[in-house]
Amino acid sequence: MDKTARRYTVLPVALIALGLGVMAATAAFAGWLEHGPAIFLSLAESGMSWCF
C-alpha cells in the first residue's frame, strides 16, 4: 500500500513540474518571436552573431 500511496503523490508533482516547464518554454519562445530581430541586430552590432 505504501508503494501506491507514493505513486499518487509523485504523479501530481511530476505533472506540475512538467506544466511549469512547458509554460517556461512557451514564454521563452514567445519572447524570442517578439524580440528576435532586436536580439540578432544587437549581436550583429557587437560581432557576436557569428558565434551562434
Protein backbone atom coordinates (compact mmCIF):
# COMPACT_ATOMS: atom_id res chain seq x y z
CA MET A 1 0.00 0.00 0.00
CA ASP A 2 2.91 2.33 0.65
CA LYS A 3 4.03 1.94 -2.97
CA THR A 4 0.66 3.03 -4.38
CA ALA A 5 0.44 5.97 -1.98
CA ARG A 6 3.84 7.18 -3.12
CA ARG A 7 2.86 6.87 -6.78
CA TYR A 8 -0.18 9.05 -6.21
CA THR A 9 1.89 11.75 -4.53
CA VAL A 10 4.73 11.74 -7.07
CA LEU A 11 2.45 11.89 -10.11
CA PRO A 12 0.86 15.30 -9.33
CA VAL A 13 4.25 16.78 -8.51
CA ALA A 14 5.67 15.49 -11.78
CA LEU A 15 2.70 16.86 -13.73
CA ILE A 16 3.03 20.26 -12.08
CA ALA A 17 6.77 20.34 -12.86
CA LEU A 18 6.06 19.34 -16.46
CA GLY A 19 3.39 22.03 -16.77
CA LEU A 20 5.72 24.70 -15.40
CA GLY A 21 8.43 23.60 -17.82
CA VAL A 22 6.05 23.82 -20.76
CA MET A 23 4.90 27.26 -19.65
CA ALA A 24 8.50 28.47 -19.34
CA ALA A 25 9.40 27.12 -22.77
CA THR A 26 6.32 28.74 -24.29
CA ALA A 27 7.16 32.08 -22.69
CA ALA A 28 10.75 31.88 -23.94
CA PHE A 29 9.59 31.05 -27.47
CA ALA A 30 7.07 33.90 -27.43
CA GLY A 31 9.77 36.26 -26.21
CA TRP A 32 12.08 35.14 -28.99
CA LEU A 33 9.34 35.73 -31.58
CA GLU A 34 8.69 39.20 -30.17
CA HIS A 35 12.29 40.33 -29.65
CA GLY A 36 14.25 38.05 -32.01
CA PRO A 37 15.19 40.65 -34.62
CA ALA A 38 16.36 43.10 -31.95
CA ILE A 39 18.42 40.39 -30.27
CA PHE A 40 20.04 39.41 -33.57
CA LEU A 41 20.79 43.02 -34.52
CA SER A 42 22.37 43.75 -31.15
CA LEU A 43 24.54 40.63 -31.52
CA ALA A 44 25.46 41.59 -35.08
CA GLU A 45 26.46 45.08 -33.98
CA SER A 46 28.80 43.67 -31.38
CA GLY A 47 30.17 41.00 -33.73
CA MET A 48 28.87 38.11 -31.65
CA SER A 49 26.32 36.82 -34.16
CA TRP A 50 28.95 34.66 -35.86
CA CYS A 51 29.50 32.75 -32.61
CA PHE A 52 25.97 31.33 -32.61
